[in-house]
Amino acid sequence: RWGEATGLTVKRVDTARRRVEIMENAVMVGRRVKVGTPKTHHRRSV
């Protein structure tokens, strides 16, 4: 999802395994960015 991709940080990337950990999601709330859990609240490795 867009918020998952835009919320990714370098520490969530494992280039050796070619995976990213989805642990945060960035969304706009009003005029502020809020970083929280993914939409389903389930963290996963992609």
All heavy atoms as atom14 arrays in JSON, in Angstrom:
{
  "sequence": "RWGEATGLTVKRVDTARRRVEIMENAVMVGRRVKVGTPKTHHRRSV",
  "atom14_mask": [
    [1, 1, 1, 1, 1, 1, 1, 1, 1, 1, 1, 0, 0, 0],
    [1, 1, 1, 1, 1, 1, 1, 1, 1, 1, 1, 1, 1, 1],
    [1, 1, 1, 1, 0, 0, 0, 0, 0, 0, 0, 0, 0, 0],
    [1, 1, 1, 1, 1, 1, 1, 1, 1, 0, 0, 0, 0, 0],
    [1, 1, 1, 1, 1, 0, 0, 0, 0, 0, 0, 0, 0, 0],
    [1, 1, 1, 1, 1, 1, 1, 0, 0, 0, 0, 0, 0, 0],
    [1, 1, 1, 1, 0, 0, 0, 0, 0, 0, 0, 0, 0, 0],
    [1, 1, 1, 1, 1, 1, 1, 1, 0, 0, 0, 0, 0, 0],
    [1, 1, 1, 1, 1, 1, 1, 0, 0, 0, 0, 0, 0, 0],
    [1, 1, 1, 1, 1, 1, 1, 0, 0, 0, 0, 0, 0, 0],
    [1, 1, 1, 1, 1, 1, 1, 1, 1, 0, 0, 0, 0, 0],
    [1, 1, 1, 1, 1, 1, 1, 1, 1, 1, 1, 0, 0, 0],
    [1, 1, 1, 1, 1, 1, 1, 0, 0, 0, 0, 0, 0, 0],
    [1, 1, 1, 1, 1, 1, 1, 1, 0, 0, 0, 0, 0, 0],
    [1, 1, 1, 1, 1, 1, 1, 0, 0, 0, 0, 0, 0, 0],
    [1, 1, 1, 1, 1, 0, 0, 0, 0, 0, 0, 0, 0, 0],
    [1, 1, 1, 1, 1, 1, 1, 1, 1, 1, 1, 0, 0, 0],
    [1, 1, 1, 1, 1, 1, 1, 1, 1, 1, 1, 0, 0, 0],
    [1, 1, 1, 1, 1, 1, 1, 1, 1, 1, 1, 0, 0, 0],
    [1, 1, 1, 1, 1, 1, 1, 0, 0, 0, 0, 0, 0, 0],
    [1, 1, 1, 1, 1, 1, 1, 1, 1, 0, 0, 0, 0, 0],
    [1, 1, 1, 1, 1, 1, 1, 1, 0, 0, 0, 0, 0, 0],
    [1, 1, 1, 1, 1, 1, 1, 1, 0, 0, 0, 0, 0, 0],
    [1, 1, 1, 1, 1, 1, 1, 1, 1, 0, 0, 0, 0, 0],
    [1, 1, 1, 1, 1, 1, 1, 1, 0, 0, 0, 0, 0, 0],
    [1, 1, 1, 1, 1, 0, 0, 0, 0, 0, 0, 0, 0, 0],
    [1, 1, 1, 1, 1, 1, 1, 0, 0, 0, 0, 0, 0, 0],
    [1, 1, 1, 1, 1, 1, 1, 1, 0, 0, 0, 0, 0, 0],
    [1, 1, 1, 1, 1, 1, 1, 0, 0, 0, 0, 0, 0, 0],
    [1, 1, 1, 1, 0, 0, 0, 0, 0, 0, 0, 0, 0, 0],
    [1, 1, 1, 1, 1, 1, 1, 1, 1, 1, 1, 0, 0, 0],
    [1, 1, 1, 1, 1, 1, 1, 1, 1, 1, 1, 0, 0, 0],
    [1, 1, 1, 1, 1, 1, 1, 0, 0, 0, 0, 0, 0, 0],
    [1, 1, 1, 1, 1, 1, 1, 1, 1, 0, 0, 0, 0, 0],
    [1, 1, 1, 1, 1, 1, 1, 0, 0, 0, 0, 0, 0, 0],
    [1, 1, 1, 1, 0, 0, 0, 0, 0, 0, 0, 0, 0, 0],
    [1, 1, 1, 1, 1, 1, 1, 0, 0, 0, 0, 0, 0, 0],
    [1, 1, 1, 1, 1, 1, 1, 0, 0, 0, 0, 0, 0, 0],
    [1, 1, 1, 1, 1, 1, 1, 1, 1, 0, 0, 0, 0, 0],
    [1, 1, 1, 1, 1, 1, 1, 0, 0, 0, 0, 0, 0, 0],
    [1, 1, 1, 1, 1, 1, 1, 1, 1, 1, 0, 0, 0, 0],
    [1, 1, 1, 1, 1, 1, 1, 1, 1, 1, 0, 0, 0, 0],
    [1, 1, 1, 1, 1, 1, 1, 1, 1, 1, 1, 0, 0, 0],
    [1, 1, 1, 1, 1, 1, 1, 1, 1, 1, 1, 0, 0, 0],
    [1, 1, 1, 1, 1, 1, 0, 0, 0, 0, 0, 0, 0, 0],
    [1, 1, 1, 1, 1, 1, 1, 0, 0, 0, 0, 0, 0, 0]
  ],
  "atom14_positions": [
    [[0.86, -1.18, 0.0], [0.0, 0.0, 0.0], [0.9, 1.24, 0.0], [2.05, 1.2, 0.44], [-0.88, 0.0, 1.25], [-1.87, -1.13, 1.3], [-2.64, -1.1, 2.63], [-3.56, -2.21, 2.7], [-3.31, -3.36, 3.32], [-2.14, -3.56, 3.92], [-4.21, -4.31, 3.35], [0.0, 0.0, 0.0], [0.0, 0.0, 0.0], [0.0, 0.0, 0.0]],
    [[0.35, 2.37, -0.46], [1.14, 3.6, -0.55], [1.71, 4.0, 0.82], [2.89, 4.33, 0.94], [0.28, 4.72, -1.12], [1.05, 5.97, -1.35], [1.01, 7.13, -0.63], [2.03, 6.19, -2.39], [1.87, 8.05, -1.15], [2.51, 7.5, -2.23], [2.53, 5.4, -3.43], [3.48, 8.04, -3.06], [3.49, 5.94, -4.26], [3.95, 7.24, -4.08]],
    [[0.9, 3.97, 1.85], [1.38, 4.35, 3.19], [2.45, 3.42, 3.72], [3.34, 3.84, 4.46], [0.0, 0.0, 0.0], [0.0, 0.0, 0.0], [0.0, 0.0, 0.0], [0.0, 0.0, 0.0], [0.0, 0.0, 0.0], [0.0, 0.0, 0.0], [0.0, 0.0, 0.0], [0.0, 0.0, 0.0], [0.0, 0.0, 0.0], [0.0, 0.0, 0.0]],
    [[2.39, 2.15, 3.34], [3.42, 1.2, 3.75], [4.73, 1.52, 3.04], [5.8, 1.52, 3.66], [3.0, -0.23, 3.43], [1.81, -0.69, 4.24], [1.23, -2.01, 3.77], [1.49, -2.44, 2.62], [0.49, -2.62, 4.58], [0.0, 0.0, 0.0], [0.0, 0.0, 0.0], [0.0, 0.0, 0.0], [0.0, 0.0, 0.0], [0.0, 0.0, 0.0]],
    [[4.66, 1.79, 1.74], [5.88, 2.1, 0.97], [6.5, 3.41, 1.42], [7.72, 3.51, 1.57], [5.56, 2.13, -0.52], [0.0, 0.0, 0.0], [0.0, 0.0, 0.0], [0.0, 0.0, 0.0], [0.0, 0.0, 0.0], [0.0, 0.0, 0.0], [0.0, 0.0, 0.0], [0.0, 0.0, 0.0], [0.0, 0.0, 0.0], [0.0, 0.0, 0.0]],
    [[5.67, 4.43, 1.65], [6.22, 5.73, 2.03], [6.65, 5.77, 3.49], [7.4, 6.65, 3.89], [5.2, 6.86, 1.78], [4.03, 6.64, 2.54], [4.88, 6.97, 0.3], [0.0, 0.0, 0.0], [0.0, 0.0, 0.0], [0.0, 0.0, 0.0], [0.0, 0.0, 0.0], [0.0, 0.0, 0.0], [0.0, 0.0, 0.0], [0.0, 0.0, 0.0]],
    [[6.21, 4.8, 4.28], [6.61, 4.72, 5.67], [7.83, 3.84, 5.92], [8.33, 3.76, 7.04], [0.0, 0.0, 0.0], [0.0, 0.0, 0.0], [0.0, 0.0, 0.0], [0.0, 0.0, 0.0], [0.0, 0.0, 0.0], [0.0, 0.0, 0.0], [0.0, 0.0, 0.0], [0.0, 0.0, 0.0], [0.0, 0.0, 0.0], [0.0, 0.0, 0.0]],
    [[8.32, 3.18, 4.87], [9.47, 2.27, 5.04], [10.74, 3.02, 5.42], [11.04, 4.07, 4.85], [9.76, 1.52, 3.74], [9.06, 0.21, 3.5], [9.39, -0.33, 2.12], [9.4, -0.81, 4.56], [0.0, 0.0, 0.0], [0.0, 0.0, 0.0], [0.0, 0.0, 0.0], [0.0, 0.0, 0.0], [0.0, 0.0, 0.0], [0.0, 0.0, 0.0]],
    [[11.47, 2.45, 6.35], [12.77, 2.99, 6.72], [13.86, 1.99, 6.34], [13.59, 0.81, 6.12], [12.85, 3.3, 8.23], [12.55, 2.1, 8.96], [11.89, 4.41, 8.62], [0.0, 0.0, 0.0], [0.0, 0.0, 0.0], [0.0, 0.0, 0.0], [0.0, 0.0, 0.0], [0.0, 0.0, 0.0], [0.0, 0.0, 0.0], [0.0, 0.0, 0.0]],
    [[15.07, 2.49, 6.27], [16.21, 1.66, 5.85], [16.35, 0.43, 6.73], [16.63, -0.67, 6.25], [17.51, 2.5, 5.84], [18.73, 1.64, 5.59], [17.4, 3.62, 4.81], [0.0, 0.0, 0.0], [0.0, 0.0, 0.0], [0.0, 0.0, 0.0], [0.0, 0.0, 0.0], [0.0, 0.0, 0.0], [0.0, 0.0, 0.0], [0.0, 0.0, 0.0]],
    [[16.12, 0.57, 8.03], [16.31, -0.57, 8.94], [15.34, -1.71, 8.67], [15.54, -2.82, 9.13], [16.22, -0.13, 10.4], [14.84, 0.31, 10.84], [14.88, 0.82, 12.27], [13.57, 1.46, 12.64], [13.67, 2.15, 13.92], [0.0, 0.0, 0.0], [0.0, 0.0, 0.0], [0.0, 0.0, 0.0], [0.0, 0.0, 0.0], [0.0, 0.0, 0.0]],
    [[14.27, -1.46, 7.93], [13.29, -2.51, 7.62], [13.62, -3.27, 6.34], [12.86, -4.14, 5.93], [11.89, -1.89, 7.48], [11.43, -1.14, 8.7], [11.24, -2.05, 9.88], [10.71, -1.29, 11.01], [10.97, -1.57, 12.25], [11.74, -2.6, 12.56], [10.47, -0.84, 13.21], [0.0, 0.0, 0.0], [0.0, 0.0, 0.0], [0.0, 0.0, 0.0]],
    [[14.75, -2.96, 5.72], [15.15, -3.61, 4.47], [16.23, -4.64, 4.76], [17.24, -4.34, 5.4], [15.68, -2.58, 3.45], [16.12, -3.26, 2.16], [14.64, -1.51, 3.17], [0.0, 0.0, 0.0], [0.0, 0.0, 0.0], [0.0, 0.0, 0.0], [0.0, 0.0, 0.0], [0.0, 0.0, 0.0], [0.0, 0.0, 0.0], [0.0, 0.0, 0.0]],
    [[16.03, -5.85, 4.29], [17.02, -6.92, 4.38], [17.42, -7.27, 2.95], [16.76, -8.07, 2.29], [16.44, -8.12, 5.11], [17.44, -9.26, 5.3], [18.49, -9.28, 4.61], [17.15, -10.14, 6.12], [0.0, 0.0, 0.0], [0.0, 0.0, 0.0], [0.0, 0.0, 0.0], [0.0, 0.0, 0.0], [0.0, 0.0, 0.0], [0.0, 0.0, 0.0]],
    [[18.49, -6.63, 2.47], [18.9, -6.85, 1.07], [19.44, -8.25, 0.85], [19.33, -8.78, -0.26], [19.94, -5.81, 0.62], [21.04, -5.82, 1.53], [19.33, -4.41, 0.56], [0.0, 0.0, 0.0], [0.0, 0.0, 0.0], [0.0, 0.0, 0.0], [0.0, 0.0, 0.0], [0.0, 0.0, 0.0], [0.0, 0.0, 0.0], [0.0, 0.0, 0.0]],
    [[20.0, -8.88, 1.88], [20.51, -10.24, 1.72], [19.39, -11.24, 1.46], [19.54, -12.16, 0.66], [21.31, -10.65, 2.96], [0.0, 0.0, 0.0], [0.0, 0.0, 0.0], [0.0, 0.0, 0.0], [0.0, 0.0, 0.0], [0.0, 0.0, 0.0], [0.0, 0.0, 0.0], [0.0, 0.0, 0.0], [0.0, 0.0, 0.0], [0.0, 0.0, 0.0]],
    [[18.25, -11.05, 2.11], [17.1, -11.94, 1.95], [16.09, -11.41, 0.93], [15.11, -12.07, 0.65], [16.41, -12.16, 3.3], [17.27, -12.92, 4.28], [16.58, -13.1, 5.64], [15.26, -13.69, 5.51], [14.17, -13.25, 6.14], [14.23, -12.21, 6.93], [13.01, -13.84, 5.96], [0.0, 0.0, 0.0], [0.0, 0.0, 0.0], [0.0, 0.0, 0.0]],
    [[16.3, -10.19, 0.45], [15.38, -9.51, -0.47], [13.98, -9.44, 0.13], [13.0, -9.84, -0.47], [15.37, -10.18, -1.84], [16.62, -9.97, -2.64], [16.48, -10.32, -4.11], [15.44, -11.24, -4.46], [15.59, -12.56, -4.65], [16.77, -13.1, -4.52], [14.57, -13.31, -4.99], [0.0, 0.0, 0.0], [0.0, 0.0, 0.0], [0.0, 0.0, 0.0]],
    [[13.93, -8.86, 1.33], [12.64, -8.73, 2.03], [12.6, -7.38, 2.74], [13.63, -6.82, 3.09], [12.47, -9.83, 3.07], [12.41, -11.22, 2.47], [12.08, -12.28, 3.5], [10.67, -12.39, 3.75], [9.79, -13.03, 2.99], [10.19, -13.61, 1.89], [8.52, -13.1, 3.32], [0.0, 0.0, 0.0], [0.0, 0.0, 0.0], [0.0, 0.0, 0.0]],
    [[11.38, -6.89, 2.95], [11.16, -5.72, 3.79], [10.17, -6.1, 4.87], [9.27, -6.92, 4.66], [10.64, -4.5, 2.99], [11.69, -3.99, 2.03], [9.35, -4.8, 2.28], [0.0, 0.0, 0.0], [0.0, 0.0, 0.0], [0.0, 0.0, 0.0], [0.0, 0.0, 0.0], [0.0, 0.0, 0.0], [0.0, 0.0, 0.0], [0.0, 0.0, 0.0]],
    [[10.37, -5.53, 6.05], [9.44, -5.73, 7.15], [8.44, -4.58, 7.13], [8.83, -3.41, 7.16], [10.16, -5.7, 8.49], [11.07, -6.87, 8.73], [11.76, -6.7, 10.07], [12.59, -5.79, 10.19], [11.44, -7.49, 10.97], [0.0, 0.0, 0.0], [0.0, 0.0, 0.0], [0.0, 0.0, 0.0], [0.0, 0.0, 0.0], [0.0, 0.0, 0.0]],
    [[7.18, -4.91, 7.07], [6.14, -3.89, 7.12], [5.67, -3.79, 8.56], [4.95, -4.66, 9.06], [4.96, -4.26, 6.18], [5.46, -4.5, 4.77], [3.89, -3.17, 6.23], [6.23, -3.35, 4.16], [0.0, 0.0, 0.0], [0.0, 0.0, 0.0], [0.0, 0.0, 0.0], [0.0, 0.0, 0.0], [0.0, 0.0, 0.0], [0.0, 0.0, 0.0]],
    [[6.15, -2.76, 9.23], [5.83, -2.56, 10.64], [5.19, -1.2, 10.89], [4.65, -0.97, 11.97], [7.08, -2.74, 11.48], [7.67, -4.15, 11.31], [9.07, -4.46, 12.33], [8.27, -4.75, 13.89], [0.0, 0.0, 0.0], [0.0, 0.0, 0.0], [0.0, 0.0, 0.0], [0.0, 0.0, 0.0], [0.0, 0.0, 0.0], [0.0, 0.0, 0.0]],
    [[5.31, -0.29, 9.93], [4.73, 1.03, 10.05], [3.96, 1.37, 8.78], [4.18, 0.81, 7.73], [5.82, 2.11, 10.25], [6.61, 1.99, 11.52], [7.87, 1.17, 11.36], [8.32, 0.94, 10.23], [8.41, 0.74, 12.39], [0.0, 0.0, 0.0], [0.0, 0.0, 0.0], [0.0, 0.0, 0.0], [0.0, 0.0, 0.0], [0.0, 0.0, 0.0]],
    [[3.09, 2.33, 8.95], [2.29, 2.85, 7.85], [2.19, 4.36, 8.07], [1.95, 4.8, 9.19], [0.9, 2.21, 7.9], [0.05, 2.61, 6.74], [0.42, 2.42, 5.6], [-1.13, 3.15, 7.02], [0.0, 0.0, 0.0], [0.0, 0.0, 0.0], [0.0, 0.0, 0.0], [0.0, 0.0, 0.0], [0.0, 0.0, 0.0], [0.0, 0.0, 0.0]],
    [[2.4, 5.13, 7.04], [2.3, 6.58, 7.15], [1.0, 7.04, 6.5], [0.68, 6.64, 5.38], [3.49, 7.24, 6.47], [0.0, 0.0, 0.0], [0.0, 0.0, 0.0], [0.0, 0.0, 0.0], [0.0, 0.0, 0.0], [0.0, 0.0, 0.0], [0.0, 0.0, 0.0], [0.0, 0.0, 0.0], [0.0, 0.0, 0.0], [0.0, 0.0, 0.0]],
    [[0.24, 7.87, 7.21], [-1.02, 8.4, 6.68], [-1.12, 9.88, 7.04], [-0.51, 10.34, 8.0], [-2.26, 7.65, 7.21], [-2.27, 6.21, 6.77], [-2.34, 7.75, 8.72], [0.0, 0.0, 0.0], [0.0, 0.0, 0.0], [0.0, 0.0, 0.0], [0.0, 0.0, 0.0], [0.0, 0.0, 0.0], [0.0, 0.0, 0.0], [0.0, 0.0, 0.0]],
    [[-1.92, 10.6, 6.25], [-2.2, 12.0, 6.57], [-3.43, 12.04, 7.46], [-4.46, 11.43, 7.15], [-2.49, 12.8, 5.31], [-1.27, 13.09, 4.46], [0.0, 14.09, 5.26], [-0.81, 15.66, 5.42], [0.0, 0.0, 0.0], [0.0, 0.0, 0.0], [0.0, 0.0, 0.0], [0.0, 0.0, 0.0], [0.0, 0.0, 0.0], [0.0, 0.0, 0.0]],
    [[-3.3, 12.73, 8.57], [-4.43, 12.99, 9.46], [-4.51, 14.51, 9.57], [-3.62, 15.13, 10.15], [-4.23, 12.34, 10.84], [-5.39, 12.7, 11.76], [-4.07, 10.84, 10.72], [0.0, 0.0, 0.0], [0.0, 0.0, 0.0], [0.0, 0.0, 0.0], [0.0, 0.0, 0.0], [0.0, 0.0, 0.0], [0.0, 0.0, 0.0], [0.0, 0.0, 0.0]],
    [[-5.53, 15.07, 8.95], [-5.57, 16.53, 8.84], [-4.42, 16.97, 7.94], [-4.32, 16.53, 6.8], [0.0, 0.0, 0.0], [0.0, 0.0, 0.0], [0.0, 0.0, 0.0], [0.0, 0.0, 0.0], [0.0, 0.0, 0.0], [0.0, 0.0, 0.0], [0.0, 0.0, 0.0], [0.0, 0.0, 0.0], [0.0, 0.0, 0.0], [0.0, 0.0, 0.0]],
    [[-3.55, 17.77, 8.46], [-2.38, 18.23, 7.68], [-1.07, 17.67, 8.24], [0.0, 18.18, 7.94], [-2.33, 19.74, 7.66], [-3.54, 20.34, 6.97], [-3.21, 21.68, 6.36], [-4.29, 22.18, 5.57], [-4.43, 21.96, 4.26], [-3.54, 21.25, 3.63], [-5.44, 22.46, 3.61], [0.0, 0.0, 0.0], [0.0, 0.0, 0.0], [0.0, 0.0, 0.0]],
    [[-1.17, 16.63, 9.05], [0.02, 16.04, 9.67], [0.19, 14.58, 9.25], [-0.79, 13.88, 9.06], [-0.07, 16.12, 11.19], [-0.26, 17.53, 11.67], [-0.32, 17.54, 13.15], [0.73, 18.45, 13.58], [1.24, 18.49, 14.76], [0.81, 17.67, 15.68], [2.18, 19.35, 15.06], [0.0, 0.0, 0.0], [0.0, 0.0, 0.0], [0.0, 0.0, 0.0]],
    [[1.42, 14.16, 9.16], [1.71, 12.76, 8.89], [1.7, 12.01, 10.21], [2.33, 12.42, 11.18], [3.09, 12.6, 8.22], [3.44, 11.13, 8.07], [3.12, 13.3, 6.88], [0.0, 0.0, 0.0], [0.0, 0.0, 0.0], [0.0, 0.0, 0.0], [0.0, 0.0, 0.0], [0.0, 0.0, 0.0], [0.0, 0.0, 0.0], [0.0, 0.0, 0.0]],
    [[0.95, 10.93, 10.24], [0.91, 10.07, 11.42], [1.47, 8.71, 11.02], [1.04, 8.11, 10.04], [-0.52, 9.92, 11.93], [-0.58, 9.07, 13.18], [-1.98, 8.97, 13.72], [-1.9, 8.15, 14.99], [-3.05, 7.36, 15.24], [0.0, 0.0, 0.0], [0.0, 0.0, 0.0], [0.0, 0.0, 0.0], [0.0, 0.0, 0.0], [0.0, 0.0, 0.0]],
    [[2.45, 8.25, 11.77], [3.04, 6.94, 11.52], [2.52, 6.0, 12.59], [2.63, 6.28, 13.79], [4.58, 6.99, 11.54], [5.17, 5.61, 11.33], [5.09, 7.95, 10.46], [0.0, 0.0, 0.0], [0.0, 0.0, 0.0], [0.0, 0.0, 0.0], [0.0, 0.0, 0.0], [0.0, 0.0, 0.0], [0.0, 0.0, 0.0], [0.0, 0.0, 0.0]],
    [[1.93, 4.9, 12.14], [1.37, 3.92, 13.07], [1.52, 2.53, 12.5], [2.35, 2.29, 11.63], [0.0, 0.0, 0.0], [0.0, 0.0, 0.0], [0.0, 0.0, 0.0], [0.0, 0.0, 0.0], [0.0, 0.0, 0.0], [0.0, 0.0, 0.0], [0.0, 0.0, 0.0], [0.0, 0.0, 0.0], [0.0, 0.0, 0.0], [0.0, 0.0, 0.0]],
    [[0.69, 1.64, 12.97], [0.76, 0.26, 12.49], [0.12, 0.16, 11.1], [-0.65, 1.03, 10.71], [0.02, -0.69, 13.46], [-1.34, -0.29, 13.55], [0.68, -0.7, 14.82], [0.0, 0.0, 0.0], [0.0, 0.0, 0.0], [0.0, 0.0, 0.0], [0.0, 0.0, 0.0], [0.0, 0.0, 0.0], [0.0, 0.0, 0.0], [0.0, 0.0, 0.0]],
    [[0.43, -0.9, 10.36], [-0.2, -1.08, 9.05], [-1.72, -1.15, 9.16], [-2.27, -1.36, 10.24], [0.37, -2.42, 8.56], [1.64, -2.59, 9.32], [1.41, -1.94, 10.65], [0.0, 0.0, 0.0], [0.0, 0.0, 0.0], [0.0, 0.0, 0.0], [0.0, 0.0, 0.0], [0.0, 0.0, 0.0], [0.0, 0.0, 0.0], [0.0, 0.0, 0.0]],
    [[-2.38, -1.0, 8.05], [-3.84, -0.94, 7.99], [-4.52, -2.08, 8.74], [-5.47, -1.87, 9.47], [-4.29, -0.93, 6.53], [-5.78, -0.82, 6.34], [-6.13, -0.76, 4.88], [-7.62, -0.65, 4.67], [-7.96, -0.57, 3.26], [0.0, 0.0, 0.0], [0.0, 0.0, 0.0], [0.0, 0.0, 0.0], [0.0, 0.0, 0.0], [0.0, 0.0, 0.0]],
    [[-4.02, -3.28, 8.58], [-4.61, -4.44, 9.24], [-4.06, -4.66, 10.65], [-4.47, -5.59, 11.33], [-4.35, -5.71, 8.43], [-2.93, -5.91, 8.34], [-4.95, -5.62, 7.04], [0.0, 0.0, 0.0], [0.0, 0.0, 0.0], [0.0, 0.0, 0.0], [0.0, 0.0, 0.0], [0.0, 0.0, 0.0], [0.0, 0.0, 0.0], [0.0, 0.0, 0.0]],
    [[-3.13, -3.83, 11.06], [-2.44, -3.92, 12.35], [-1.58, -5.19, 12.45], [-1.14, -5.55, 13.54], [-3.42, -3.84, 13.52], [-4.26, -2.61, 13.48], [-3.75, -1.35, 13.68], [-5.58, -2.44, 13.2], [-4.71, -0.46, 13.55], [-5.83, -1.09, 13.25], [0.0, 0.0, 0.0], [0.0, 0.0, 0.0], [0.0, 0.0, 0.0], [0.0, 0.0, 0.0]],
    [[-1.38, -5.86, 11.33], [-0.53, -7.04, 11.3], [0.79, -6.69, 10.63], [0.81, -6.22, 9.5], [-1.2, -8.18, 10.53], [-2.39, -8.73, 11.23], [-3.68, -8.44, 10.85], [-2.49, -9.54, 12.32], [-4.52, -9.05, 11.67], [-3.83, -9.72, 12.56], [0.0, 0.0, 0.0], [0.0, 0.0, 0.0], [0.0, 0.0, 0.0], [0.0, 0.0, 0.0]],
    [[1.84, -6.92, 11.35], [3.17, -6.72, 10.77], [3.51, -7.95, 9.95], [3.12, -9.05, 10.28], [4.17, -6.5, 11.88], [3.84, -5.22, 12.62], [4.68, -5.04, 13.84], [4.36, -3.74, 14.42], [4.52, -3.44, 15.67], [5.04, -4.31, 16.48], [4.21, -2.25, 16.1], [0.0, 0.0, 0.0], [0.0, 0.0, 0.0], [0.0, 0.0, 0.0]],
    [[4.25, -7.71, 8.85], [4.58, -8.84, 7.99], [5.89, -8.59, 7.27], [6.37, -7.48, 7.2], [3.44, -9.09, 6.99], [3.23, -7.98, 5.99], [1.92, -8.2, 5.22], [1.78, -7.31, 4.09], [1.46, -6.03, 4.15], [1.26, -5.45, 5.32], [1.34, -5.3, 3.05], [0.0, 0.0, 0.0], [0.0, 0.0, 0.0], [0.0, 0.0, 0.0]],
    [[6.41, -9.64, 6.7], [7.63, -9.59, 5.89], [7.23, -9.82, 4.44], [6.51, -10.78, 4.14], [8.6, -10.68, 6.38], [9.76, -10.67, 5.59], [0.0, 0.0, 0.0], [0.0, 0.0, 0.0], [0.0, 0.0, 0.0], [0.0, 0.0, 0.0], [0.0, 0.0, 0.0], [0.0, 0.0, 0.0], [0.0, 0.0, 0.0], [0.0, 0.0, 0.0]],
    [[7.69, -8.94, 3.56], [7.3, -8.99, 2.15], [8.55, -9.16, 1.29], [9.49, -8.38, 1.4], [6.54, -7.71, 1.75], [6.21, -7.7, 0.27], [5.29, -7.54, 2.6], [0.0, 0.0, 0.0], [0.0, 0.0, 0.0], [0.0, 0.0, 0.0], [0.0, 0.0, 0.0], [0.0, 0.0, 0.0], [0.0, 0.0, 0.0], [0.0, 0.0, 0.0]]
  ]
}
